[in-house]
Structures are given as structure tokens and as C-alpha cells.
Amino acid sequence: MRKKTINQAQAYLTVTDETRKKKIIDIRKLLKRHTKDEVLSFMELFYKEEQGRLQALITKDKTAKEINDTVAALFRLRMAISVMKEAA
């Protein structure tokens, strides 16, 4: 996989605030030990798990802040998956 593609996907998966950077998933580390297809499969599984988490959060408390965080993570995951699939 090209470095440019990895950088684009990782940019979607990195959240920055005033004090730190948080990586939802570190694609570079995963690609050192796994194939691109394995990493994509993992990301898609993680996406499905987060969808389930979102449904549980909504059922429990529709006003919870975690809903916003989960929706943002789902969007970022979907964008990173799309970038990686388009490069294939």
C-alpha cells in the first residue's frame, strides 16, 4: 500500500484536541504485522462493533455525550476504510 494512502487513512483516524492526539486505530502498526486485507477486515469488524455500541447508547440515554463521540468515530472509520478500498 502506498504511503500516501496510509497517511490519508490515518489522518481520518487521528483525533486532535488542545492537548493531545488520539489514534482511533494505528494503521501503520497494524500493517507492519498484517496484510492490507486483514487490516481492512479488522476495521470493518471494529466498525460493526461501534455501530452496536451506538445502538446500545441510544437505547440507554439519547442525550449521552458518548453518542457524539461514537458517531464521529464511525464516520472517521468509514472514511478511512473507503480511502483504503479505493487504493486497492
C-alpha atoms as a PDB file:
ATOM      1  CA  MET A   1       0.000   0.000   0.000  1.00  0.00           C
ATOM      2  CA  ARG A   2       1.293   3.418  -0.885  1.00  0.00           C
ATOM      3  CA  LYS A   3       2.474   5.766   1.840  1.00  0.00           C
ATOM      4  CA  LYS A   4       0.100   8.486   0.607  1.00  0.00           C
ATOM      5  CA  THR A   5      -2.910   6.178   1.047  1.00  0.00           C
ATOM      6  CA  ILE A   6      -1.802   5.159   4.534  1.00  0.00           C
ATOM      7  CA  ASN A   7      -1.309   8.815   5.502  1.00  0.00           C
ATOM      8  CA  GLN A   8      -4.760   9.773   4.194  1.00  0.00           C
ATOM      9  CA  ALA A   9      -6.470   6.913   6.019  1.00  0.00           C
ATOM     10  CA  GLN A  10      -4.526   7.583   9.233  1.00  0.00           C
ATOM     11  CA  ALA A  11      -5.483  11.262   9.103  1.00  0.00           C
ATOM     12  CA  TYR A  12      -9.161  10.249   9.341  1.00  0.00           C
ATOM     13  CA  LEU A  13      -8.352   8.014  12.293  1.00  0.00           C
ATOM     14  CA  THR A  14      -6.440  10.620  14.303  1.00  0.00           C
ATOM     15  CA  VAL A  15      -8.375  12.967  16.571  1.00  0.00           C
ATOM     16  CA  THR A  16      -6.614  16.111  17.783  1.00  0.00           C
ATOM     17  CA  ASP A  17      -7.672  18.361  20.629  1.00  0.00           C
ATOM     18  CA  GLU A  18      -5.932  21.150  22.548  1.00  0.00           C
ATOM     19  CA  THR A  19      -3.602  18.862  24.464  1.00  0.00           C
ATOM     20  CA  ARG A  20      -3.135  15.615  22.567  1.00  0.00           C
ATOM     21  CA  LYS A  21      -3.580  13.418  19.527  1.00  0.00           C
ATOM     22  CA  LYS A  22      -5.561  10.225  19.831  1.00  0.00           C
ATOM     23  CA  LYS A  23      -5.460   7.484  17.224  1.00  0.00           C
ATOM     24  CA  ILE A  24      -8.668   5.506  16.907  1.00  0.00           C
ATOM     25  CA  ILE A  25      -6.618   2.845  15.112  1.00  0.00           C
ATOM     26  CA  ASP A  26      -2.911   2.974  14.262  1.00  0.00           C
ATOM     27  CA  ILE A  27      -2.862   1.659  10.698  1.00  0.00           C
ATOM     28  CA  ARG A  28       0.918   1.833  10.371  1.00  0.00           C
ATOM     29  CA  LYS A  29       1.481  -0.526  13.294  1.00  0.00           C
ATOM     30  CA  LEU A  30      -1.147  -2.943  12.051  1.00  0.00           C
ATOM     31  CA  LEU A  31       0.303  -3.027   8.528  1.00  0.00           C
ATOM     32  CA  LYS A  32       3.715  -3.990   9.907  1.00  0.00           C
ATOM     33  CA  ARG A  33       2.297  -7.312  11.090  1.00  0.00           C
ATOM     34  CA  HIS A  34      -0.777  -7.900   8.929  1.00  0.00           C
ATOM     35  CA  THR A  35      -1.796  -7.716   5.279  1.00  0.00           C
ATOM     36  CA  LYS A  36      -3.884  -4.873   3.935  1.00  0.00           C
ATOM     37  CA  ASP A  37      -6.872  -7.207   3.618  1.00  0.00           C
ATOM     38  CA  GLU A  38      -6.537  -8.307   7.244  1.00  0.00           C
ATOM     39  CA  VAL A  39      -6.365  -4.684   8.401  1.00  0.00           C
ATOM     40  CA  LEU A  40      -9.447  -3.801   6.346  1.00  0.00           C
ATOM     41  CA  SER A  41     -11.322  -6.781   7.782  1.00  0.00           C
ATOM     42  CA  PHE A  42     -10.372  -5.693  11.293  1.00  0.00           C
ATOM     43  CA  MET A  43     -11.503  -2.134  10.601  1.00  0.00           C
ATOM     44  CA  GLU A  44     -14.840  -3.323   9.234  1.00  0.00           C
ATOM     45  CA  LEU A  45     -15.368  -5.573  12.267  1.00  0.00           C
ATOM     46  CA  PHE A  46     -14.489  -2.694  14.588  1.00  0.00           C
ATOM     47  CA  TYR A  47     -16.982  -0.509  12.661  1.00  0.00           C
ATOM     48  CA  LYS A  48     -19.759  -3.050  13.212  1.00  0.00           C
ATOM     49  CA  GLU A  49     -18.920  -3.278  16.916  1.00  0.00           C
ATOM     50  CA  GLU A  50     -19.068   0.510  17.220  1.00  0.00           C
ATOM     51  CA  GLN A  51     -22.464   0.503  15.474  1.00  0.00           C
ATOM     52  CA  GLY A  52     -23.717  -1.918  18.096  1.00  0.00           C
ATOM     53  CA  ARG A  53     -22.280   0.281  20.832  1.00  0.00           C
ATOM     54  CA  LEU A  54     -24.064   3.290  19.324  1.00  0.00           C
ATOM     55  CA  GLN A  55     -27.391   1.460  19.288  1.00  0.00           C
ATOM     56  CA  ALA A  56     -26.928   0.491  22.942  1.00  0.00           C
ATOM     57  CA  LEU A  57     -26.059   4.070  23.899  1.00  0.00           C
ATOM     58  CA  ILE A  58     -29.102   5.450  22.109  1.00  0.00           C
ATOM     59  CA  THR A  59     -31.344   2.903  23.789  1.00  0.00           C
ATOM     60  CA  LYS A  60     -29.931   3.751  27.208  1.00  0.00           C
ATOM     61  CA  ASP A  61     -29.702   7.576  27.059  1.00  0.00           C
ATOM     62  CA  LYS A  62     -30.313   9.612  23.921  1.00  0.00           C
ATOM     63  CA  THR A  63     -28.591  12.650  25.469  1.00  0.00           C
ATOM     64  CA  ALA A  64     -25.269  10.944  26.306  1.00  0.00           C
ATOM     65  CA  LYS A  65     -22.096  12.680  25.092  1.00  0.00           C
ATOM     66  CA  GLU A  66     -20.680   9.279  24.128  1.00  0.00           C
ATOM     67  CA  ILE A  67     -23.187   9.184  21.262  1.00  0.00           C
ATOM     68  CA  ASN A  68     -21.429  12.138  19.613  1.00  0.00           C
ATOM     69  CA  ASP A  69     -18.013  10.541  20.100  1.00  0.00           C
ATOM     70  CA  THR A  70     -19.214   7.227  18.685  1.00  0.00           C
ATOM     71  CA  VAL A  71     -20.854   8.840  15.649  1.00  0.00           C
ATOM     72  CA  ALA A  72     -17.628  10.762  14.955  1.00  0.00           C
ATOM     73  CA  ALA A  73     -15.562   7.576  15.282  1.00  0.00           C
ATOM     74  CA  LEU A  74     -17.917   5.726  12.922  1.00  0.00           C
ATOM     75  CA  PHE A  75     -17.624   8.491  10.322  1.00  0.00           C
ATOM     76  CA  ARG A  76     -13.823   8.510  10.599  1.00  0.00           C
ATOM     77  CA  LEU A  77     -13.644   4.723  10.336  1.00  0.00           C
ATOM     78  CA  ARG A  78     -15.895   4.661   7.261  1.00  0.00           C
ATOM     79  CA  MET A  79     -13.808   7.348   5.544  1.00  0.00           C
ATOM     80  CA  ALA A  80     -10.537   5.525   6.296  1.00  0.00           C
ATOM     81  CA  ILE A  81     -11.978   2.244   5.011  1.00  0.00           C
ATOM     82  CA  SER A  82     -13.137   3.988   1.823  1.00  0.00           C
ATOM     83  CA  VAL A  83      -9.705   5.530   1.229  1.00  0.00           C
ATOM     84  CA  MET A  84      -8.015   2.150   1.619  1.00  0.00           C
ATOM     85  CA  LYS A  85     -10.506   0.326  -0.604  1.00  0.00           C
ATOM     86  CA  GLU A  86     -10.255   2.941  -3.353  1.00  0.00           C
ATOM     87  CA  ALA A  87      -6.488   2.494  -3.420  1.00  0.00           C
ATOM     88  CA  ALA A  88      -6.818  -1.268  -3.956  1.00  0.00           C
END
